[in-house]
Amino acid sequence: MKLHEKKREEKRTLIIQAAARLFAHKGYSGTAMADIAVRAEIGKGTIYEYFKSKEDLFFAVFEWFARMSWSEGKISVSAIGGTASQKLEVLSDSIMNTWTEMEEVYSLVMEFWAASASSQIRKRFKESFRKAYKNFRGIVSELIREGIANGEFAREVDPEAVAASLVGTWDALLLQAWFDDDFDPITAARKYITVLIRGMAI
């Protein structure tokens, strides 16, 4: 990547991160492009060099948020050896541990869900949600198929069904943590994964 392109990409990321924090704290409708410019310490006009509208910027924030979450899981799984069960445990821990890093901006999830129900941008967000969930389910189902192939999990286990249920569980645990400061999603996920793995074992 050329120096000019690298600097432009860094500036784009700076704008997205500034927008993410403001959208999380003030909501989509309560955030003005001028607020984002101040937070990013740039001119308002500079934002429009990268994003043609607030809607485009909001969508870029969603893609950034989803990509970070997905990449974290992929990196964690690829970085370890061990059994399929161990990889599932590491993946779960990795996803749940992002809570401590992302708690400040987790309310973005609510904004994204609201956007997916909006008549104006519903189609755009629904398609991206579909792809993001498909990616997560793909990581999990691949690990389960690995466990079946090496004789760790029973052949009757349905990788896609279990993957969908586990991804839904992670979603629900993080949502509960957002509503309840005393709720510990990391511990709950670990206990759930232990039960799930025992249930799939031969």
Protein backbone atom coordinates (compact mmCIF):
# COMPACT_ATOMS: atom_id res chain seq x y z
CA MET A 1 0.00 0.00 0.00
CA LYS A 2 1.36 3.42 -0.99
CA LEU A 3 1.99 6.02 1.72
CA HIS A 4 -0.84 8.23 0.47
CA GLU A 5 -3.28 5.31 0.49
CA LYS A 6 -2.12 4.24 3.95
CA LYS A 7 -2.68 7.73 5.37
CA ARG A 8 -6.09 7.92 3.75
CA GLU A 9 -7.06 4.55 5.24
CA GLU A 10 -5.83 5.65 8.67
CA LYS A 11 -7.91 8.83 8.43
CA ARG A 12 -10.97 6.81 7.40
CA THR A 13 -10.52 4.50 10.38
CA LEU A 14 -10.11 7.49 12.69
CA ILE A 15 -13.43 8.90 11.49
CA ILE A 16 -15.18 5.53 11.90
CA GLN A 17 -13.88 5.06 15.45
CA ALA A 18 -14.89 8.58 16.45
CA ALA A 19 -18.34 8.03 14.94
CA ALA A 20 -18.70 4.66 16.68
CA ARG A 21 -18.24 6.20 20.12
CA LEU A 22 -20.65 9.04 19.42
CA PHE A 23 -23.30 6.77 17.89
CA ALA A 24 -22.95 4.54 20.95
CA HIS A 25 -23.39 7.39 23.43
CA LYS A 26 -25.81 9.69 21.61
CA GLY A 27 -27.55 7.33 19.18
CA TYR A 28 -27.72 7.64 15.41
CA SER A 29 -30.36 10.36 15.33
CA GLY A 30 -28.70 12.32 18.14
CA THR A 31 -25.28 12.46 16.47
CA ALA A 32 -24.42 15.20 13.99
CA MET A 33 -21.60 15.03 11.46
CA ALA A 34 -20.18 18.16 13.12
CA ASP A 35 -19.95 16.24 16.42
CA ILE A 36 -18.00 13.48 14.71
CA ALA A 37 -15.63 15.99 13.14
CA VAL A 38 -14.89 17.51 16.55
CA ARG A 39 -14.33 14.08 18.09
CA ALA A 40 -12.01 13.06 15.24
CA GLU A 41 -10.29 16.48 15.37
CA ILE A 42 -10.83 17.15 11.68
CA GLY A 43 -12.90 19.54 9.62
CA LYS A 44 -16.51 18.62 8.91
CA GLY A 45 -15.85 18.81 5.20
CA THR A 46 -13.14 16.19 5.51
CA ILE A 47 -15.70 13.59 6.57
CA TYR A 48 -17.56 14.07 3.30
CA GLU A 49 -14.36 13.27 1.41
CA TYR A 50 -14.71 9.75 2.81
CA PHE A 51 -18.46 9.30 3.34
CA LYS A 52 -21.20 10.91 1.28
CA SER A 53 -23.74 10.91 4.14
CA LYS A 54 -24.25 10.09 7.80
CA GLU A 55 -26.04 6.92 6.70
CA ASP A 56 -22.96 5.78 4.77
CA LEU A 57 -20.75 6.50 7.76
CA PHE A 58 -23.09 4.62 10.09
CA PHE A 59 -23.00 1.63 7.76
CA ALA A 60 -19.19 1.80 7.71
CA VAL A 61 -19.22 1.74 11.51
CA PHE A 62 -21.39 -1.39 11.40
CA GLU A 63 -18.99 -3.12 8.98
CA TRP A 64 -16.02 -2.13 11.16
CA PHE A 65 -17.73 -3.46 14.29
CA ALA A 66 -18.70 -6.76 12.64
CA ARG A 67 -15.28 -7.22 11.06
CA MET A 68 -13.49 -6.70 14.38
CA SER A 69 -15.70 -9.25 16.13
CA TRP A 70 -15.38 -11.83 13.36
CA SER A 71 -11.62 -11.34 12.94
CA GLU A 72 -11.07 -11.83 16.66
CA GLY A 73 -12.69 -15.26 16.49
CA LYS A 74 -10.83 -16.30 13.33
CA ILE A 75 -7.47 -15.25 14.75
CA SER A 76 -8.04 -17.04 18.04
CA VAL A 77 -8.99 -20.34 16.38
CA SER A 78 -6.21 -20.28 13.80
CA ALA A 79 -3.58 -19.43 16.43
CA ILE A 80 -4.06 -22.59 18.50
CA GLY A 81 -3.81 -26.31 18.04
CA GLY A 82 -5.57 -28.88 20.16
CA THR A 83 -8.88 -30.63 19.87
CA ALA A 84 -12.08 -29.25 18.41
CA SER A 85 -13.43 -28.92 21.96
CA GLN A 86 -10.44 -26.83 23.02
CA LYS A 87 -10.81 -24.63 19.96
CA LEU A 88 -14.50 -24.08 20.72
CA GLU A 89 -13.60 -23.08 24.28
CA VAL A 90 -10.95 -20.65 23.07
CA LEU A 91 -13.31 -19.18 20.47
CA SER A 92 -16.02 -18.68 23.08
CA ASP A 93 -13.58 -17.05 25.50
CA SER A 94 -12.30 -14.82 22.73
CA ILE A 95 -15.75 -13.59 21.77
CA MET A 96 -16.83 -13.06 25.36
CA ASN A 97 -13.58 -11.28 26.23
CA THR A 98 -14.31 -8.70 23.56
CA TRP A 99 -17.01 -7.54 25.98
CA THR A 100 -14.40 -5.86 28.18
CA GLU A 101 -12.97 -4.09 25.14
CA MET A 102 -16.26 -3.26 23.42
CA GLU A 103 -18.54 -2.53 26.39
CA GLU A 104 -18.25 1.21 25.82
CA VAL A 105 -19.65 0.95 22.31
CA TYR A 106 -21.84 -2.15 22.67
CA SER A 107 -24.96 -0.02 22.58
CA LEU A 108 -24.12 0.26 18.88
CA VAL A 109 -25.65 -3.18 18.52
CA MET A 110 -29.00 -1.72 19.51
CA GLU A 111 -28.54 1.05 16.95
CA PHE A 112 -27.68 -1.51 14.27
CA TRP A 113 -30.72 -3.63 15.07
CA ALA A 114 -32.90 -0.54 14.94
CA ALA A 115 -31.40 0.36 11.57
CA SER A 116 -32.20 -3.10 10.22
CA ALA A 117 -35.86 -2.39 10.97
CA SER A 118 -35.83 1.05 9.38
CA SER A 119 -37.68 1.32 6.10
CA GLN A 120 -34.96 3.56 4.65
CA ILE A 121 -31.90 1.35 5.10
CA ARG A 122 -33.40 -2.01 6.10
CA LYS A 123 -32.22 -3.95 3.04
CA ARG A 124 -28.63 -2.79 3.35
CA PHE A 125 -28.34 -3.70 7.03
CA LYS A 126 -30.26 -6.96 6.77
CA GLU A 127 -27.88 -8.21 4.09
CA SER A 128 -24.83 -7.32 6.18
CA PHE A 129 -26.32 -8.91 9.30
CA ARG A 130 -26.99 -12.04 7.24
CA LYS A 131 -23.37 -12.19 6.09
CA ALA A 132 -21.96 -11.51 9.57
CA TYR A 133 -24.03 -14.25 11.19
CA LYS A 134 -23.20 -16.64 8.36
CA ASN A 135 -19.49 -16.01 8.93
CA PHE A 136 -19.78 -16.74 12.66
CA ARG A 137 -21.85 -19.86 12.07
CA GLY A 138 -19.29 -21.00 9.51
CA ILE A 139 -16.43 -20.80 12.02
CA VAL A 140 -18.37 -22.84 14.59
CA SER A 141 -19.78 -25.46 12.23
CA GLU A 142 -16.30 -26.01 10.77
CA LEU A 143 -14.97 -26.80 14.27
CA ILE A 144 -17.85 -29.15 14.97
CA ARG A 145 -17.30 -31.00 11.69
CA GLU A 146 -13.64 -31.32 12.67
CA GLY A 147 -14.71 -32.85 15.99
CA ILE A 148 -17.00 -35.32 14.23
CA ALA A 149 -14.28 -36.29 11.74
CA ASN A 150 -11.72 -37.05 14.46
CA GLY A 151 -14.21 -39.03 16.53
CA GLU A 152 -14.51 -36.43 19.26
CA PHE A 153 -18.19 -35.64 18.65
CA ALA A 154 -21.03 -38.00 17.74
CA ARG A 155 -21.88 -38.32 14.04
CA GLU A 156 -25.52 -37.53 14.84
CA VAL A 157 -24.55 -33.96 15.78
CA ASP A 158 -25.84 -31.40 13.27
CA PRO A 159 -23.00 -28.83 12.84
CA GLU A 160 -25.20 -26.10 11.34
CA ALA A 161 -27.92 -26.39 13.98
CA VAL A 162 -25.44 -26.36 16.86
CA ALA A 163 -23.55 -23.44 15.31
CA ALA A 164 -26.74 -21.39 14.97
CA SER A 165 -27.69 -22.12 18.58
CA LEU A 166 -24.24 -21.25 19.91
CA VAL A 167 -24.01 -17.99 17.99
CA GLY A 168 -27.47 -17.11 19.32
CA THR A 169 -26.31 -17.91 22.84
CA TRP A 170 -23.29 -15.61 22.55
CA ASP A 171 -25.56 -12.85 21.30
CA ALA A 172 -27.98 -13.34 24.19
CA LEU A 173 -25.25 -13.44 26.85
CA LEU A 174 -23.73 -10.17 25.66
CA LEU A 175 -27.17 -8.59 25.52
CA GLN A 176 -27.87 -9.61 29.12
CA ALA A 177 -24.50 -8.20 30.20
CA TRP A 178 -25.39 -4.89 28.57
CA PHE A 179 -28.63 -4.69 30.56
CA ASP A 180 -27.23 -6.08 33.83
CA ASP A 181 -23.93 -4.80 35.22
CA ASP A 182 -23.75 -7.73 37.65
CA PHE A 183 -24.08 -10.36 34.94
CA ASP A 184 -20.82 -12.14 33.96
CA PRO A 185 -21.07 -13.30 30.32
CA ILE A 186 -17.60 -14.86 30.29
CA THR A 187 -18.30 -17.30 33.13
CA ALA A 188 -21.77 -18.09 31.82
CA ALA A 189 -20.37 -18.84 28.35
CA ARG A 190 -17.68 -21.12 29.75
CA LYS A 191 -20.21 -23.16 31.70
CA TYR A 192 -22.51 -23.37 28.69
CA ILE A 193 -19.69 -24.51 26.38
CA THR A 194 -18.75 -27.24 28.88
CA VAL A 195 -22.30 -28.61 28.86
CA LEU A 196 -22.55 -28.31 25.07
CA ILE A 197 -19.30 -30.19 24.47
CA ARG A 198 -20.36 -32.98 26.85
CA GLY A 199 -23.63 -33.27 25.00
CA MET A 200 -21.91 -33.65 21.62
CA ALA A 201 -19.30 -36.14 22.85
CA ILE A 202 -19.54 -39.79 21.88
